[in-house]
Amino acid sequence: MSRADVVRERLIVDIDRLVEDIEELVNATAEPSDDGAIASVRRRISQTIASAKNSVAQAKKIIAASRQGAEAVVWYTREHCWARGAMQVGAVMALACVVRSRWRRSHQQS
């Protein structure tokens, strides 16, 4: 696991803890005799917390999927080094065709 992965994981854990702490604070301050303004603020904070939880969950899924994809690419390139070379040659040839086509168009217009 790279240093960036460790930092990313720590950040997600910290955000999770922060959301949980804020949620506890909102629940702890709930009183039946609250006036409308406090109840409104509490409701908005609760909605924001729910949204943050959803965002963190989505971020975790995206990170897990990207990690799996990166691991698959690393495995494939290690196992199929000739295919990797062929893909690189193909990419260079495609780029050369694009450059040649643009060069021809620019010289034909002159």
C-alpha atoms as a PDB file:
ATOM      1  CA  MET A   1       0.000   0.000   0.000  1.00  0.00           C
ATOM      2  CA  SER A   2       1.467   3.337  -1.025  1.00  0.00           C
ATOM      3  CA  ARG A   3       1.717   6.374   1.200  1.00  0.00           C
ATOM      4  CA  ALA A   4      -1.102   8.066  -0.724  1.00  0.00           C
ATOM      5  CA  ASP A   5      -3.336   5.059  -0.090  1.00  0.00           C
ATOM      6  CA  VAL A   6      -2.577   5.191   3.626  1.00  0.00           C
ATOM      7  CA  VAL A   7      -3.332   8.918   3.775  1.00  0.00           C
ATOM      8  CA  ARG A   8      -6.550   8.419   1.790  1.00  0.00           C
ATOM      9  CA  GLU A   9      -7.687   5.622   4.109  1.00  0.00           C
ATOM     10  CA  ARG A  10      -6.902   7.710   7.209  1.00  0.00           C
ATOM     11  CA  LEU A  11      -8.841  10.641   5.751  1.00  0.00           C
ATOM     12  CA  ILE A  12     -11.893   8.481   5.142  1.00  0.00           C
ATOM     13  CA  VAL A  13     -11.710   7.052   8.658  1.00  0.00           C
ATOM     14  CA  ASP A  14     -11.380  10.565  10.105  1.00  0.00           C
ATOM     15  CA  ILE A  15     -14.366  11.797   8.093  1.00  0.00           C
ATOM     16  CA  ASP A  16     -16.393   8.804   9.279  1.00  0.00           C
ATOM     17  CA  ARG A  17     -15.524   9.582  12.886  1.00  0.00           C
ATOM     18  CA  LEU A  18     -16.339  13.261  12.415  1.00  0.00           C
ATOM     19  CA  VAL A  19     -19.746  12.446  10.947  1.00  0.00           C
ATOM     20  CA  GLU A  20     -20.466  10.063  13.826  1.00  0.00           C
ATOM     21  CA  ASP A  21     -19.407  12.662  16.420  1.00  0.00           C
ATOM     22  CA  ILE A  22     -21.568  15.359  14.848  1.00  0.00           C
ATOM     23  CA  GLU A  23     -24.491  12.958  14.710  1.00  0.00           C
ATOM     24  CA  GLU A  24     -24.036  12.155  18.414  1.00  0.00           C
ATOM     25  CA  LEU A  25     -23.882  15.875  19.224  1.00  0.00           C
ATOM     26  CA  VAL A  26     -27.099  16.570  17.337  1.00  0.00           C
ATOM     27  CA  ASN A  27     -28.858  13.686  19.076  1.00  0.00           C
ATOM     28  CA  ALA A  28     -27.523  14.703  22.484  1.00  0.00           C
ATOM     29  CA  THR A  29     -28.846  18.253  22.139  1.00  0.00           C
ATOM     30  CA  ALA A  30     -32.332  17.115  21.230  1.00  0.00           C
ATOM     31  CA  GLU A  31     -34.916  18.205  23.783  1.00  0.00           C
ATOM     32  CA  PRO A  32     -38.672  17.942  23.482  1.00  0.00           C
ATOM     33  CA  SER A  33     -39.125  21.624  24.355  1.00  0.00           C
ATOM     34  CA  ASP A  34     -36.951  22.992  21.527  1.00  0.00           C
ATOM     35  CA  ASP A  35     -38.167  26.029  19.685  1.00  0.00           C
ATOM     36  CA  GLY A  36     -38.668  25.951  15.918  1.00  0.00           C
ATOM     37  CA  ALA A  37     -35.325  27.550  14.977  1.00  0.00           C
ATOM     38  CA  ILE A  38     -33.215  24.979  16.811  1.00  0.00           C
ATOM     39  CA  ALA A  39     -35.299  22.139  15.442  1.00  0.00           C
ATOM     40  CA  SER A  40     -34.858  23.543  11.930  1.00  0.00           C
ATOM     41  CA  VAL A  41     -31.097  23.767  12.351  1.00  0.00           C
ATOM     42  CA  ARG A  42     -30.969  20.252  13.766  1.00  0.00           C
ATOM     43  CA  ARG A  43     -32.997  18.978  10.804  1.00  0.00           C
ATOM     44  CA  ARG A  44     -30.645  20.653   8.296  1.00  0.00           C
ATOM     45  CA  ILE A  45     -27.588  19.285  10.096  1.00  0.00           C
ATOM     46  CA  SER A  46     -29.122  15.816  10.079  1.00  0.00           C
ATOM     47  CA  GLN A  47     -29.762  16.076   6.332  1.00  0.00           C
ATOM     48  CA  THR A  48     -26.185  17.239   5.759  1.00  0.00           C
ATOM     49  CA  ILE A  49     -24.860  14.351   7.847  1.00  0.00           C
ATOM     50  CA  ALA A  50     -26.924  11.880   5.845  1.00  0.00           C
ATOM     51  CA  SER A  51     -25.580  13.382   2.632  1.00  0.00           C
ATOM     52  CA  ALA A  52     -22.004  13.232   3.944  1.00  0.00           C
ATOM     53  CA  LYS A  53     -22.437   9.579   4.919  1.00  0.00           C
ATOM     54  CA  ASN A  54     -23.695   8.830   1.435  1.00  0.00           C
ATOM     55  CA  SER A  55     -20.761  10.667  -0.145  1.00  0.00           C
ATOM     56  CA  VAL A  56     -18.240   8.834   2.034  1.00  0.00           C
ATOM     57  CA  ALA A  57     -19.844   5.498   1.162  1.00  0.00           C
ATOM     58  CA  GLN A  58     -19.672   6.322  -2.544  1.00  0.00           C
ATOM     59  CA  ALA A  59     -16.038   7.436  -2.191  1.00  0.00           C
ATOM     60  CA  LYS A  60     -15.188   4.149  -0.490  1.00  0.00           C
ATOM     61  CA  LYS A  61     -16.810   2.202  -3.341  1.00  0.00           C
ATOM     62  CA  ILE A  62     -14.974   4.254  -5.972  1.00  0.00           C
ATOM     63  CA  ILE A  63     -11.634   3.840  -4.199  1.00  0.00           C
ATOM     64  CA  ALA A  64     -12.165   0.096  -3.854  1.00  0.00           C
ATOM     65  CA  ALA A  65     -13.124  -0.238  -7.517  1.00  0.00           C
ATOM     66  CA  SER A  66     -10.181   1.858  -8.699  1.00  0.00           C
ATOM     67  CA  ARG A  67      -7.817  -0.148  -6.495  1.00  0.00           C
ATOM     68  CA  GLN A  68      -9.152  -3.386  -7.979  1.00  0.00           C
ATOM     69  CA  GLY A  69      -8.775  -1.969 -11.474  1.00  0.00           C
ATOM     70  CA  ALA A  70      -5.215  -0.854 -10.816  1.00  0.00           C
ATOM     71  CA  GLU A  71      -4.334  -4.252  -9.366  1.00  0.00           C
ATOM     72  CA  ALA A  72      -5.833  -5.936 -12.426  1.00  0.00           C
ATOM     73  CA  VAL A  73      -3.796  -3.710 -14.755  1.00  0.00           C
ATOM     74  CA  VAL A  74      -0.590  -4.417 -12.819  1.00  0.00           C
ATOM     75  CA  TRP A  75      -1.287  -8.145 -12.864  1.00  0.00           C
ATOM     76  CA  TYR A  76      -2.122  -8.131 -16.577  1.00  0.00           C
ATOM     77  CA  THR A  77       0.974  -6.175 -17.548  1.00  0.00           C
ATOM     78  CA  ARG A  78       3.181  -8.484 -15.491  1.00  0.00           C
ATOM     79  CA  GLU A  79       1.606 -11.626 -16.895  1.00  0.00           C
ATOM     80  CA  HIS A  80       1.324 -10.432 -20.500  1.00  0.00           C
ATOM     81  CA  CYS A  81       4.399  -8.305 -21.142  1.00  0.00           C
ATOM     82  CA  TRP A  82       4.221  -8.941 -24.917  1.00  0.00           C
ATOM     83  CA  ALA A  83       0.638  -7.759 -25.047  1.00  0.00           C
ATOM     84  CA  ARG A  84       1.683  -4.612 -23.178  1.00  0.00           C
ATOM     85  CA  GLY A  85       4.377  -3.972 -25.777  1.00  0.00           C
ATOM     86  CA  ALA A  86       1.904  -4.562 -28.586  1.00  0.00           C
ATOM     87  CA  MET A  87      -0.561  -2.119 -27.019  1.00  0.00           C
ATOM     88  CA  GLN A  88       2.179   0.479 -26.710  1.00  0.00           C
ATOM     89  CA  VAL A  89       3.173   0.020 -30.347  1.00  0.00           C
ATOM     90  CA  GLY A  90      -0.475   0.264 -31.376  1.00  0.00           C
ATOM     91  CA  ALA A  91      -0.925   3.474 -29.399  1.00  0.00           C
ATOM     92  CA  VAL A  92       2.188   4.994 -30.982  1.00  0.00           C
ATOM     93  CA  MET A  93       1.009   4.002 -34.459  1.00  0.00           C
ATOM     94  CA  ALA A  94      -2.438   5.520 -33.832  1.00  0.00           C
ATOM     95  CA  LEU A  95      -0.828   8.728 -32.612  1.00  0.00           C
ATOM     96  CA  ALA A  96       1.454   8.790 -35.651  1.00  0.00           C
ATOM     97  CA  CYS A  97      -1.565   8.394 -37.957  1.00  0.00           C
ATOM     98  CA  VAL A  98      -3.344  11.300 -36.278  1.00  0.00           C
ATOM     99  CA  VAL A  99      -0.258  13.515 -36.513  1.00  0.00           C
ATOM    100  CA  ARG A 100       0.303  12.572 -40.160  1.00  0.00           C
ATOM    101  CA  SER A 101      -3.337  13.269 -41.017  1.00  0.00           C
ATOM    102  CA  ARG A 102      -3.226  16.686 -39.377  1.00  0.00           C
ATOM    103  CA  TRP A 103       0.084  17.480 -41.047  1.00  0.00           C
ATOM    104  CA  ARG A 104      -1.377  16.563 -44.459  1.00  0.00           C
ATOM    105  CA  ARG A 105      -4.477  18.697 -43.868  1.00  0.00           C
ATOM    106  CA  SER A 106      -2.420  21.705 -42.836  1.00  0.00           C
ATOM    107  CA  HIS A 107      -0.157  21.395 -45.896  1.00  0.00           C
ATOM    108  CA  GLN A 108      -3.038  20.826 -48.339  1.00  0.00           C
ATOM    109  CA  GLN A 109      -4.758  24.017 -47.172  1.00  0.00           C
ATOM    110  CA  SER A 110      -1.627  26.127 -47.694  1.00  0.00           C
END
